[in-house]
Amino acid sequence: SVKGRFTISRDNRKNTVYLQMNNLKPEDTAVYYCYVNQ
């Protein structure tokens, strides 16, 4: 449902993950949770 609209990236030096969300739709409304597997 998000392919072509959302882009995930990470900066390993900063231990940070990003989610760029474009062309947002009402059905994208939600609580978004970050997840990390160590």
Full PDB file with SEQRES, HELIX, SHEET, SSBOND, CRYST1, ORIGX, SCALE, CONECT and MASTER records, all heavy atoms in Angstrom:
SEQRES   1 A   38  SER VAL LYS GLY ARG PHE THR ILE SER ARG ASP ASN ARG          
SEQRES   2 A   38  LYS ASN THR VAL TYR LEU GLN MET ASN ASN LEU LYS PRO          
SEQRES   3 A   38  GLU ASP THR ALA VAL TYR TYR CYS TYR VAL ASN GLN              
HELIX    1 AA1 PRO A   26  ASP A   28  5                                   3    
SHEET    1 AA1 2 PHE A   6  ASP A  11  0                                        
SHEET    2 AA1 2 THR A  16  MET A  21 -1                                        
CRYST1    1.000    1.000    1.000  90.00  90.00  90.00 P 1           1          
ORIGX1      1.000000  0.000000  0.000000        0.00000                         
ORIGX2      0.000000  1.000000  0.000000        0.00000                         
ORIGX3      0.000000  0.000000  1.000000        0.00000                         
SCALE1      1.000000  0.000000  0.000000        0.00000                         
SCALE2      0.000000  1.000000  0.000000        0.00000                         
SCALE3      0.000000  0.000000  1.000000        0.00000                         
ATOM      1  N   SER A   1       0.796  -1.223   0.000  1.00  0.00           N  
ATOM      2  CA  SER A   1       0.000   0.000   0.000  1.00  0.00           C  
ATOM      3  C   SER A   1       0.832   1.279   0.000  1.00  0.00           C  
ATOM      4  O   SER A   1       0.302   2.359  -0.286  1.00  0.00           O  
ATOM      5  CB  SER A   1      -0.932   0.006   1.215  1.00  0.00           C  
ATOM      6  OG  SER A   1      -0.177  -0.040   2.410  1.00  0.00           O  
ATOM      7  N   VAL A   2       2.125   1.165   0.321  1.00  0.00           N  
ATOM      8  CA  VAL A   2       2.958   2.376   0.395  1.00  0.00           C  
ATOM      9  C   VAL A   2       4.060   2.404  -0.658  1.00  0.00           C  
ATOM     10  O   VAL A   2       4.780   3.396  -0.768  1.00  0.00           O  
ATOM     11  CB  VAL A   2       3.586   2.542   1.798  1.00  0.00           C  
ATOM     12  CG1 VAL A   2       2.512   2.493   2.875  1.00  0.00           C  
ATOM     13  CG2 VAL A   2       4.664   1.511   2.061  1.00  0.00           C  
ATOM     14  N   LYS A   3       4.184   1.338  -1.428  1.00  0.00           N  
ATOM     15  CA  LYS A   3       5.234   1.292  -2.445  1.00  0.00           C  
ATOM     16  C   LYS A   3       5.078   2.443  -3.426  1.00  0.00           C  
ATOM     17  O   LYS A   3       3.981   2.747  -3.892  1.00  0.00           O  
ATOM     18  CB  LYS A   3       5.186  -0.036  -3.197  1.00  0.00           C  
ATOM     19  CG  LYS A   3       5.787  -1.196  -2.420  1.00  0.00           C  
ATOM     20  CD  LYS A   3       5.757  -2.481  -3.253  1.00  0.00           C  
ATOM     21  CE  LYS A   3       6.405  -3.635  -2.494  1.00  0.00           C  
ATOM     22  NZ  LYS A   3       6.364  -4.893  -3.279  1.00  0.00           N  
ATOM     23  N   GLY A   4       6.200   3.100  -3.725  1.00  0.00           N  
ATOM     24  CA  GLY A   4       6.187   4.221  -4.643  1.00  0.00           C  
ATOM     25  C   GLY A   4       5.862   5.551  -3.981  1.00  0.00           C  
ATOM     26  O   GLY A   4       6.026   6.616  -4.604  1.00  0.00           O  
ATOM     27  N   ARG A   5       5.414   5.514  -2.723  1.00  0.00           N  
ATOM     28  CA  ARG A   5       5.088   6.754  -2.009  1.00  0.00           C  
ATOM     29  C   ARG A   5       5.988   6.973  -0.792  1.00  0.00           C  
ATOM     30  O   ARG A   5       6.324   8.114  -0.472  1.00  0.00           O  
ATOM     31  CB  ARG A   5       3.631   6.730  -1.548  1.00  0.00           C  
ATOM     32  CG  ARG A   5       2.618   6.588  -2.661  1.00  0.00           C  
ATOM     33  CD  ARG A   5       1.194   6.753  -2.140  1.00  0.00           C  
ATOM     34  NE  ARG A   5       0.824   5.712  -1.180  1.00  0.00           N  
ATOM     35  CZ  ARG A   5       0.414   5.962   0.062  1.00  0.00           C  
ATOM     36  NH1 ARG A   5       0.329   7.207   0.510  1.00  0.00           N  
ATOM     37  NH2 ARG A   5       0.075   4.968   0.867  1.00  0.00           N  
ATOM     38  N   PHE A   6       6.379   5.906  -0.137  1.00  0.00           N  
ATOM     39  CA  PHE A   6       7.201   5.994   1.071  1.00  0.00           C  
ATOM     40  C   PHE A   6       8.616   5.495   0.765  1.00  0.00           C  
ATOM     41  O   PHE A   6       8.802   4.571  -0.031  1.00  0.00           O  
ATOM     42  CB  PHE A   6       6.626   5.139   2.198  1.00  0.00           C  
ATOM     43  CG  PHE A   6       5.325   5.624   2.776  1.00  0.00           C  
ATOM     44  CD1 PHE A   6       4.591   6.642   2.184  1.00  0.00           C  
ATOM     45  CD2 PHE A   6       4.826   5.038   3.928  1.00  0.00           C  
ATOM     46  CE1 PHE A   6       3.390   7.080   2.710  1.00  0.00           C  
ATOM     47  CE2 PHE A   6       3.631   5.451   4.477  1.00  0.00           C  
ATOM     48  CZ  PHE A   6       2.910   6.481   3.864  1.00  0.00           C  
ATOM     49  N   THR A   7       9.583   6.102   1.442  1.00  0.00           N  
ATOM     50  CA  THR A   7      10.979   5.673   1.309  1.00  0.00           C  
ATOM     51  C   THR A   7      11.605   5.564   2.692  1.00  0.00           C  
ATOM     52  O   THR A   7      11.573   6.533   3.466  1.00  0.00           O  
ATOM     53  CB  THR A   7      11.786   6.659   0.463  1.00  0.00           C  
ATOM     54  OG1 THR A   7      11.187   6.791  -0.827  1.00  0.00           O  
ATOM     55  CG2 THR A   7      13.223   6.167   0.296  1.00  0.00           C  
ATOM     56  N   ILE A   8      12.170   4.404   2.985  1.00  0.00           N  
ATOM     57  CA  ILE A   8      12.857   4.201   4.254  1.00  0.00           C  
ATOM     58  C   ILE A   8      14.359   4.306   4.031  1.00  0.00           C  
ATOM     59  O   ILE A   8      14.873   3.886   2.995  1.00  0.00           O  
ATOM     60  CB  ILE A   8      12.485   2.835   4.882  1.00  0.00           C  
ATOM     61  CG1 ILE A   8      13.024   2.740   6.311  1.00  0.00           C  
ATOM     62  CG2 ILE A   8      12.976   1.668   4.025  1.00  0.00           C  
ATOM     63  CD1 ILE A   8      12.489   1.528   7.079  1.00  0.00           C  
ATOM     64  N   SER A   9      15.043   4.893   4.997  1.00  0.00           N  
ATOM     65  CA  SER A   9      16.504   4.998   4.925  1.00  0.00           C  
ATOM     66  C   SER A   9      17.053   4.962   6.346  1.00  0.00           C  
ATOM     67  O   SER A   9      16.303   5.119   7.308  1.00  0.00           O  
ATOM     68  CB  SER A   9      16.925   6.284   4.205  1.00  0.00           C  
ATOM     69  OG  SER A   9      16.445   7.426   4.904  1.00  0.00           O  
ATOM     70  N   ARG A  10      18.363   4.762   6.461  1.00  0.00           N  
ATOM     71  CA  ARG A  10      18.965   4.730   7.792  1.00  0.00           C  
ATOM     72  C   ARG A  10      20.361   5.325   7.742  1.00  0.00           C  
ATOM     73  O   ARG A  10      21.047   5.255   6.714  1.00  0.00           O  
ATOM     74  CB  ARG A  10      19.004   3.309   8.359  1.00  0.00           C  
ATOM     75  CG  ARG A  10      19.835   2.324   7.568  1.00  0.00           C  
ATOM     76  CD  ARG A  10      19.636   0.903   8.051  1.00  0.00           C  
ATOM     77  NE  ARG A  10      20.377   0.609   9.274  1.00  0.00           N  
ATOM     78  CZ  ARG A  10      20.327  -0.552   9.918  1.00  0.00           C  
ATOM     79  NH1 ARG A  10      19.541  -1.528   9.462  1.00  0.00           N  
ATOM     80  NH2 ARG A  10      21.031  -0.763  11.020  1.00  0.00           N  
ATOM     81  N   ASP A  11      20.755   5.886   8.871  1.00  0.00           N  
ATOM     82  CA  ASP A  11      22.096   6.418   9.047  1.00  0.00           C  
ATOM     83  C   ASP A  11      22.728   5.601  10.168  1.00  0.00           C  
ATOM     84  O   ASP A  11      22.405   5.798  11.347  1.00  0.00           O  
ATOM     85  CB  ASP A  11      22.036   7.904   9.408  1.00  0.00           C  
ATOM     86  CG  ASP A  11      23.412   8.538   9.492  1.00  0.00           C  
ATOM     87  OD1 ASP A  11      24.395   7.819   9.769  1.00  0.00           O  
ATOM     88  OD2 ASP A  11      23.509   9.762   9.305  1.00  0.00           O  
ATOM     89  N   ASN A  12      23.596   4.671   9.797  1.00  0.00           N  
ATOM     90  CA  ASN A  12      24.172   3.767  10.791  1.00  0.00           C  
ATOM     91  C   ASN A  12      25.089   4.486  11.779  1.00  0.00           C  
ATOM     92  O   ASN A  12      25.246   4.052  12.912  1.00  0.00           O  
ATOM     93  CB  ASN A  12      24.924   2.636  10.097  1.00  0.00           C  
ATOM     94  CG  ASN A  12      23.985   1.689   9.374  1.00  0.00           C  
ATOM     95  OD1 ASN A  12      22.844   1.477   9.792  1.00  0.00           O  
ATOM     96  ND2 ASN A  12      24.453   1.118   8.271  1.00  0.00           N  
ATOM     97  N   ARG A  13      25.685   5.581  11.346  1.00  0.00           N  
ATOM     98  CA  ARG A  13      26.557   6.323  12.265  1.00  0.00           C  
ATOM     99  C   ARG A  13      25.754   6.971  13.386  1.00  0.00           C  
ATOM    100  O   ARG A  13      26.219   7.118  14.506  1.00  0.00           O  
ATOM    101  CB  ARG A  13      27.348   7.393  11.514  1.00  0.00           C  
ATOM    102  CG  ARG A  13      28.356   6.853  10.500  1.00  0.00           C  
ATOM    103  CD  ARG A  13      28.942   7.984   9.693  1.00  0.00           C  
ATOM    104  NE  ARG A  13      27.888   8.716   8.996  1.00  0.00           N  
ATOM    105  CZ  ARG A  13      28.096   9.848   8.338  1.00  0.00           C  
ATOM    106  NH1 ARG A  13      29.285  10.395   8.292  1.00  0.00           N  
ATOM    107  NH2 ARG A  13      27.098  10.443   7.709  1.00  0.00           N  
ATOM    108  N   LYS A  14      24.518   7.353  13.056  1.00  0.00           N  
ATOM    109  CA  LYS A  14      23.656   8.012  14.035  1.00  0.00           C  
ATOM    110  C   LYS A  14      22.640   7.053  14.645  1.00  0.00           C  
ATOM    111  O   LYS A  14      21.831   7.466  15.483  1.00  0.00           O  
ATOM    112  CB  LYS A  14      22.905   9.182  13.384  1.00  0.00           C  
ATOM    113  CG  LYS A  14      23.802  10.296  12.872  1.00  0.00           C  
ATOM    114  CD  LYS A  14      22.971  11.418  12.254  1.00  0.00           C  
ATOM    115  CE  LYS A  14      23.848  12.551  11.762  1.00  0.00           C  
ATOM    116  NZ  LYS A  14      23.046  13.640  11.138  1.00  0.00           N  
ATOM    117  N   ASN A  15      22.649   5.791  14.200  1.00  0.00           N  
ATOM    118  CA  ASN A  15      21.667   4.812  14.676  1.00  0.00           C  
ATOM    119  C   ASN A  15      20.247   5.347  14.521  1.00  0.00           C  
ATOM    120  O   ASN A  15      19.416   5.254  15.440  1.00  0.00           O  
ATOM    121  CB  ASN A  15      21.941   4.423  16.130  1.00  0.00           C  
ATOM    122  CG  ASN A  15      23.265   3.727  16.297  1.00  0.00           C  
ATOM    123  OD1 ASN A  15      23.613   2.824  15.535  1.00  0.00           O  
ATOM    124  ND2 ASN A  15      24.046   4.154  17.284  1.00  0.00           N  
ATOM    125  N   THR A  16      19.987   5.913  13.369  1.00  0.00           N  
ATOM    126  CA  THR A  16      18.710   6.568  13.107  1.00  0.00           C  
ATOM    127  C   THR A  16      18.090   6.010  11.835  1.00  0.00           C  
ATOM    128  O   THR A  16      18.793   5.785  10.845  1.00  0.00           O  
ATOM    129  CB  THR A  16      18.897   8.083  12.986  1.00  0.00           C  
ATOM    130  OG1 THR A  16      19.421   8.589  14.219  1.00  0.00           O  
ATOM    131  CG2 THR A  16      17.568   8.773  12.697  1.00  0.00           C  
ATOM    132  N   VAL A  17      16.777   5.823  11.884  1.00  0.00           N  
ATOM    133  CA  VAL A  17      16.027   5.388  10.708  1.00  0.00           C  
ATOM    134  C   VAL A  17      14.996   6.456  10.366  1.00  0.00           C  
ATOM    135  O   VAL A  17      14.452   7.105  11.266  1.00  0.00           O  
ATOM    136  CB  VAL A  17      15.355   4.016  10.947  1.00  0.00           C  
ATOM    137  CG1 VAL A  17      14.355   4.061  12.081  1.00  0.00           C  
ATOM    138  CG2 VAL A  17      14.717   3.496   9.668  1.00  0.00           C  
ATOM    139  N   TYR A  18      14.774   6.641   9.073  1.00  0.00           N  
ATOM    140  CA  TYR A  18      13.869   7.675   8.587  1.00  0.00           C  
ATOM    141  C   TYR A  18      12.783   7.045   7.717  1.00  0.00           C  
ATOM    142  O   TYR A  18      12.991   5.995   7.103  1.00  0.00           O  
ATOM    143  CB  TYR A  18      14.625   8.704   7.745  1.00  0.00           C  
ATOM    144  CG  TYR A  18      15.804   9.320   8.438  1.00  0.00           C  
ATOM    145  CD1 TYR A  18      17.091   8.805   8.246  1.00  0.00           C  
ATOM    146  CD2 TYR A  18      15.650  10.413   9.291  1.00  0.00           C  
ATOM    147  CE1 TYR A  18      18.188   9.371   8.884  1.00  0.00           C  
ATOM    148  CE2 TYR A  18      16.739  10.975   9.931  1.00  0.00           C  
ATOM    149  CZ  TYR A  18      17.999  10.454   9.722  1.00  0.00           C  
ATOM    150  OH  TYR A  18      19.083  11.010  10.361  1.00  0.00           O  
ATOM    151  N   LEU A  19      11.633   7.712   7.663  1.00  0.00           N  
ATOM    152  CA  LEU A  19      10.577   7.307   6.748  1.00  0.00           C  
ATOM    153  C   LEU A  19      10.050   8.567   6.069  1.00  0.00           C  
ATOM    154  O   LEU A  19       9.393   9.393   6.711  1.00  0.00           O  
ATOM    155  CB  LEU A  19       9.446   6.579   7.477  1.00  0.00           C  
ATOM    156  CG  LEU A  19       8.352   6.023   6.572  1.00  0.00           C  
ATOM    157  CD1 LEU A  19       8.913   4.865   5.724  1.00  0.00           C  
ATOM    158  CD2 LEU A  19       7.162   5.528   7.390  1.00  0.00           C  
ATOM    159  N   GLN A  20      10.379   8.708   4.799  1.00  0.00           N  
ATOM    160  CA  GLN A  20       9.859   9.816   4.004  1.00  0.00           C  
ATOM    161  C   GLN A  20       8.537   9.375   3.401  1.00  0.00           C  
ATOM    162  O   GLN A  20       8.487   8.392   2.664  1.00  0.00           O  
ATOM    163  CB  GLN A  20      10.846  10.193   2.902  1.00  0.00           C  
ATOM    164  CG  GLN A  20      10.359  11.298   1.987  1.00  0.00           C  
ATOM    165  CD  GLN A  20      10.204  12.618   2.696  1.00  0.00           C  
ATOM    166  OE1 GLN A  20      11.057  13.018   3.497  1.00  0.00           O  
ATOM    167  NE2 GLN A  20       9.109  13.325   2.423  1.00  0.00           N  
ATOM    168  N   MET A  21       7.486  10.110   3.724  1.00  0.00           N  
ATOM    169  CA  MET A  21       6.149   9.745   3.272  1.00  0.00           C  
ATOM    170  C   MET A  21       5.623  10.839   2.353  1.00  0.00           C  
ATOM    171  O   MET A  21       5.446  11.985   2.785  1.00  0.00           O  
ATOM    172  CB  MET A  21       5.217   9.560   4.473  1.00  0.00           C  
ATOM    173  CG  MET A  21       5.720   8.545   5.487  1.00  0.00           C  
ATOM    174  SD  MET A  21       4.559   8.234   6.827  1.00  0.00           S  
ATOM    175  CE  MET A  21       4.579   9.812   7.668  1.00  0.00           C  
ATOM    176  N   ASN A  22       5.389  10.489   1.099  1.00  0.00           N  
ATOM    177  CA  ASN A  22       4.876  11.430   0.106  1.00  0.00           C  
ATOM    178  C   ASN A  22       3.498  11.000  -0.368  1.00  0.00           C  
ATOM    179  O   ASN A  22       3.110   9.841  -0.220  1.00  0.00           O  
ATOM    180  CB  ASN A  22       5.828  11.506  -1.088  1.00  0.00           C  
ATOM    181  CG  ASN A  22       7.201  12.028  -0.708  1.00  0.00           C  
ATOM    182  OD1 ASN A  22       7.359  12.840   0.203  1.00  0.00           O  
ATOM    183  ND2 ASN A  22       8.221  11.550  -1.410  1.00  0.00           N  
ATOM    184  N   ASN A  23       2.787  11.944  -0.953  1.00  0.00           N  
ATOM    185  CA  ASN A  23       1.449  11.668  -1.485  1.00  0.00           C  
ATOM    186  C   ASN A  23       0.596  10.924  -0.452  1.00  0.00           C  
ATOM    187  O   ASN A  23      -0.007   9.884  -0.744  1.00  0.00           O  
ATOM    188  CB  ASN A  23       1.543  10.851  -2.776  1.00  0.00           C  
ATOM    189  CG  ASN A  23       0.223  10.735  -3.498  1.00  0.00           C  
ATOM    190  OD1 ASN A  23      -0.676  11.552  -3.291  1.00  0.00           O  
ATOM    191  ND2 ASN A  23       0.081   9.715  -4.322  1.00  0.00           N  
ATOM    192  N   LEU A  24       0.544  11.478   0.733  1.00  0.00           N  
ATOM    193  CA  LEU A  24      -0.178  10.826   1.825  1.00  0.00           C  
ATOM    194  C   LEU A  24      -1.669  10.788   1.554  1.00  0.00           C  
ATOM    195  O   LEU A  24      -2.241  11.717   0.952  1.00  0.00           O  
ATOM    196  CB  LEU A  24       0.107  11.537   3.142  1.00  0.00           C  
ATOM    197  CG  LEU A  24       1.467  11.185   3.754  1.00  0.00           C  
ATOM    198  CD1 LEU A  24       1.934  12.250   4.735  1.00  0.00           C  
ATOM    199  CD2 LEU A  24       1.405   9.837   4.430  1.00  0.00           C  
ATOM    200  N   LYS A  25      -2.284   9.708   2.005  1.00  0.00           N  
ATOM    201  CA  LYS A  25      -3.719   9.488   1.805  1.00  0.00           C  
ATOM    202  C   LYS A  25      -4.400   9.353   3.174  1.00  0.00           C  
ATOM    203  O   LYS A  25      -3.739   8.987   4.153  1.00  0.00           O  
ATOM    204  CB  LYS A  25      -3.938   8.204   1.003  1.00  0.00           C  
ATOM    205  CG  LYS A  25      -3.230   8.184  -0.334  1.00  0.00           C  
ATOM    206  CD  LYS A  25      -3.413   6.842  -1.027  1.00  0.00           C  
ATOM    207  CE  LYS A  25      -2.703   6.815  -2.368  1.00  0.00           C  
ATOM    208  NZ  LYS A  25      -2.891   5.515  -3.063  1.00  0.00           N  
ATOM    209  N   PRO A  26      -5.697   9.609   3.246  1.00  0.00           N  
ATOM    210  CA  PRO A  26      -6.406   9.465   4.529  1.00  0.00           C  
ATOM    211  C   PRO A  26      -6.225   8.076   5.149  1.00  0.00           C  
ATOM    212  O   PRO A  26      -6.157   7.959   6.384  1.00  0.00           O  
ATOM    213  CB  PRO A  26      -7.855   9.729   4.144  1.00  0.00           C  
ATOM    214  CG  PRO A  26      -7.775  10.656   2.976  1.00  0.00           C  
ATOM    215  CD  PRO A  26      -6.570  10.185   2.207  1.00  0.00           C  
ATOM    216  N   GLU A  27      -6.094   7.061   4.324  1.00  0.00           N  
ATOM    217  CA  GLU A  27      -5.927   5.702   4.855  1.00  0.00           C  
ATOM    218  C   GLU A  27      -4.545   5.471   5.458  1.00  0.00           C  
ATOM    219  O   GLU A  27      -4.303   4.417   6.043  1.00  0.00           O  
ATOM    220  CB  GLU A  27      -6.213   4.655   3.772  1.00  0.00           C  
ATOM    221  CG  GLU A  27      -5.473   4.854   2.479  1.00  0.00           C  
ATOM    222  CD  GLU A  27      -6.313   5.588   1.441  1.00  0.00           C  
ATOM    223  OE1 GLU A  27      -7.025   6.558   1.809  1.00  0.00           O  
ATOM    224  OE2 GLU A  27      -6.235   5.185   0.259  1.00  0.00           O  
ATOM    225  N   ASP A  28      -3.648   6.425   5.322  1.00  0.00           N  
ATOM    226  CA  ASP A  28      -2.345   6.334   5.984  1.00  0.00           C  
ATOM    227  C   ASP A  28      -2.425   6.801   7.441  1.00  0.00           C  
ATOM    228  O   ASP A  28      -1.442   6.687   8.183  1.00  0.00           O  
ATOM    229  CB  ASP A  28      -1.304   7.186   5.253  1.00  0.00           C  
ATOM    230  CG  ASP A  28      -1.006   6.662   3.858  1.00  0.00           C  
ATOM    231  OD1 ASP A  28      -0.866   5.434   3.695  1.00  0.00           O  
ATOM    232  OD2 ASP A  28      -0.898   7.496   2.927  1.00  0.00           O  
ATOM    233  N   THR A  29      -3.559   7.329   7.838  1.00  0.00           N  
ATOM    234  CA  THR A  29      -3.732   7.792   9.209  1.00  0.00           C  
ATOM    235  C   THR A  29      -3.573   6.638  10.191  1.00  0.00           C  
ATOM    236  O   THR A  29      -4.244   5.610  10.065  1.00  0.00           O  
ATOM    237  CB  THR A  29      -5.113   8.437   9.388  1.00  0.00           C  
ATOM    238  OG1 THR A  29      -5.191   9.609   8.575  1.00  0.00           O  
ATOM    239  CG2 THR A  29      -5.359   8.809  10.842  1.00  0.00           C  
ATOM    240  N   ALA A  30      -2.662   6.801  11.139  1.00  0.00           N  
ATOM    241  CA  ALA A  30      -2.370   5.737  12.099  1.00  0.00           C  
ATOM    242  C   ALA A  30      -1.321   6.241  13.087  1.00  0.00           C  
ATOM    243  O   ALA A  30      -0.741   7.315  12.893  1.00  0.00           O  
ATOM    244  CB  ALA A  30      -1.834   4.495  11.386  1.00  0.00           C  
ATOM    245  N   VAL A  31      -1.088   5.440  14.111  1.00  0.00           N  
ATOM    246  CA  VAL A  31       0.074   5.648  14.963  1.00  0.00           C  
ATOM    247  C   VAL A  31       1.218   4.849  14.350  1.00  0.00           C  
ATOM    248  O   VAL A  31       1.063   3.654  14.085  1.00  0.00           O  
ATOM    249  CB  VAL A  31      -0.185   5.197  16.408  1.00  0.00           C  
ATOM    250  CG1 VAL A  31       1.081   5.378  17.251  1.00  0.00           C  
ATOM    251  CG2 VAL A  31      -1.343   5.978  17.014  1.00  0.00           C  
ATOM    252  N   TYR A  32       2.325   5.514  14.126  1.00  0.00           N  
ATOM    253  CA  TYR A  32       3.490   4.886  13.508  1.00  0.00           C  
ATOM    254  C   TYR A  32       4.523   4.566  14.587  1.00  0.00           C  
ATOM    255  O   TYR A  32       4.886   5.439  15.384  1.00  0.00           O  
ATOM    256  CB  TYR A  32       4.095   5.817  12.449  1.00  0.00           C  
ATOM    257  CG  TYR A  32       3.285   5.840  11.180  1.00  0.00           C  
ATOM    258  CD1 TYR A  32       2.015   6.426  11.148  1.00  0.00           C  
ATOM    259  CD2 TYR A  32       3.766   5.267  10.002  1.00  0.00           C  
ATOM    260  CE1 TYR A  32       1.256   6.432   9.993  1.00  0.00           C  
ATOM    261  CE2 TYR A  32       3.021   5.272   8.836  1.00  0.00           C  
ATOM    262  CZ  TYR A  32       1.768   5.857   8.836  1.00  0.00           C  
ATOM    263  OH  TYR A  32       1.013   5.853   7.690  1.00  0.00           O  
ATOM    264  N   TYR A  33       4.976   3.323  14.576  1.00  0.00           N  
ATOM    265  CA  TYR A  33       5.919   2.834  15.582  1.00  0.00           C  
ATOM    266  C   TYR A  33       7.246   2.475  14.920  1.00  0.00           C  
ATOM    267  O   TYR A  33       7.283   1.769  13.902  1.00  0.00           O  
ATOM    268  CB  TYR A  33       5.379   1.600  16.283  1.00  0.00           C  
ATOM    269  CG  TYR A  33       4.134   1.840  17.096  1.00  0.00           C  
ATOM    270  CD1 TYR A  33       2.877   1.674  16.539  1.00  0.00           C  
ATOM    271  CD2 TYR A  33       4.216   2.220  18.436  1.00  0.00           C  
ATOM    272  CE1 TYR A  33       1.723   1.889  17.279  1.00  0.00           C  
ATOM    273  CE2 TYR A  33       3.078   2.436  19.189  1.00  0.00           C  
ATOM    274  CZ  TYR A  33       1.839   2.271  18.601  1.00  0.00           C  
ATOM    275  OH  TYR A  33       0.700   2.496  19.335  1.00  0.00           O  
ATOM    276  N   CYS A  34       8.302   2.922  15.535  1.00  0.00           N  
ATOM    277  CA  CYS A  34       9.643   2.542  15.114  1.00  0.00           C  
ATOM    278  C   CYS A  34       9.973   1.177  15.720  1.00  0.00           C  
ATOM    279  O   CYS A  34       9.583   0.876  16.869  1.00  0.00           O  
ATOM    280  CB  CYS A  34      10.627   3.599  15.612  1.00  0.00           C  
ATOM    281  SG  CYS A  34      12.356   3.236  15.285  1.00  0.00           S  
ATOM    282  N   TYR A  35      10.712   0.370  14.973  1.00  0.00           N  
ATOM    283  CA  TYR A  35      11.112  -0.961  15.436  1.00  0.00           C  
ATOM    284  C   TYR A  35      12.590  -1.180  15.103  1.00  0.00           C  
ATOM    285  O   TYR A  35      13.049  -0.854  14.008  1.00  0.00           O  
ATOM    286  CB  TYR A  35      10.272  -2.039  14.756  1.00  0.00           C  
ATOM    287  CG  TYR A  35      10.748  -3.443  15.035  1.00  0.00           C  
ATOM    288  CD1 TYR A  35      10.384  -4.088  16.211  1.00  0.00           C  
ATOM    289  CD2 TYR A  35      11.554  -4.118  14.133  1.00  0.00           C  
ATOM    290  CE1 TYR A  35      10.821  -5.366  16.483  1.00  0.00           C  
ATOM    291  CE2 TYR A  35      11.999  -5.399  14.400  1.00  0.00           C  
ATOM    292  CZ  TYR A  35      11.622  -6.025  15.572  1.00  0.00           C  
ATOM    293  OH  TYR A  35      12.057  -7.297  15.842  1.00  0.00           O  
ATOM    294  N   VAL A  36      13.302  -1.737  16.063  1.00  0.00           N  
ATOM    295  CA  VAL A  36      14.716  -2.051  15.869  1.00  0.00           C  
ATOM    296  C   VAL A  36      14.976  -3.470  16.339  1.00  0.00           C  
ATOM    297  O   VAL A  36      14.490  -3.875  17.400  1.00  0.00           O  
ATOM    298  CB  VAL A  36      15.603  -1.052  16.647  1.00  0.00           C  
ATOM    299  CG1 VAL A  36      17.027  -1.584  16.779  1.00  0.00           C  
ATOM    300  CG2 VAL A  36      15.606   0.308  15.984  1.00  0.00           C  
ATOM    301  N   ASN A  37      15.724  -4.201  15.542  1.00  0.00           N  
ATOM    302  CA  ASN A  37      16.127  -5.555  15.908  1.00  0.00           C  
ATOM    303  C   ASN A  37      17.630  -5.564  16.142  1.00  0.00           C  
ATOM    304  O   ASN A  37      18.405  -5.303  15.218  1.00  0.00           O  
ATOM    305  CB  ASN A  37      15.770  -6.537  14.790  1.00  0.00           C  
ATOM    306  CG  ASN A  37      16.114  -7.978  15.149  1.00  0.00           C  
ATOM    307  OD1 ASN A  37      17.208  -8.256  15.626  1.00  0.00           O  
ATOM    308  ND2 ASN A  37      15.201  -8.882  14.907  1.00  0.00           N  
ATOM    309  N   GLN A  38      18.005  -5.819  17.378  1.00  0.00           N  
ATOM    310  CA  GLN A  38      19.430  -5.897  17.709  1.00  0.00           C  
ATOM    311  C   GLN A  38      19.749  -7.322  18.116  1.00  0.00           C  
ATOM    312  O   GLN A  38      19.315  -7.763  19.185  1.00  0.00           O  
ATOM    313  CB  GLN A  38      19.793  -4.905  18.817  1.00  0.00           C  
ATOM    314  CG  GLN A  38      21.250  -5.030  19.243  1.00  0.00           C  
ATOM    315  CD  GLN A  38      21.739  -3.831  19.988  1.00  0.00           C  
ATOM    316  OE1 GLN A  38      22.319  -2.915  19.424  1.00  0.00           O  
ATOM    317  NE2 GLN A  38      21.495  -3.825  21.290  1.00  0.00           N  
TER     318      GLN A  38                                                      
MASTER        0    0    0    1    2    0    0    6  317    1    0    3          
END                                                                             
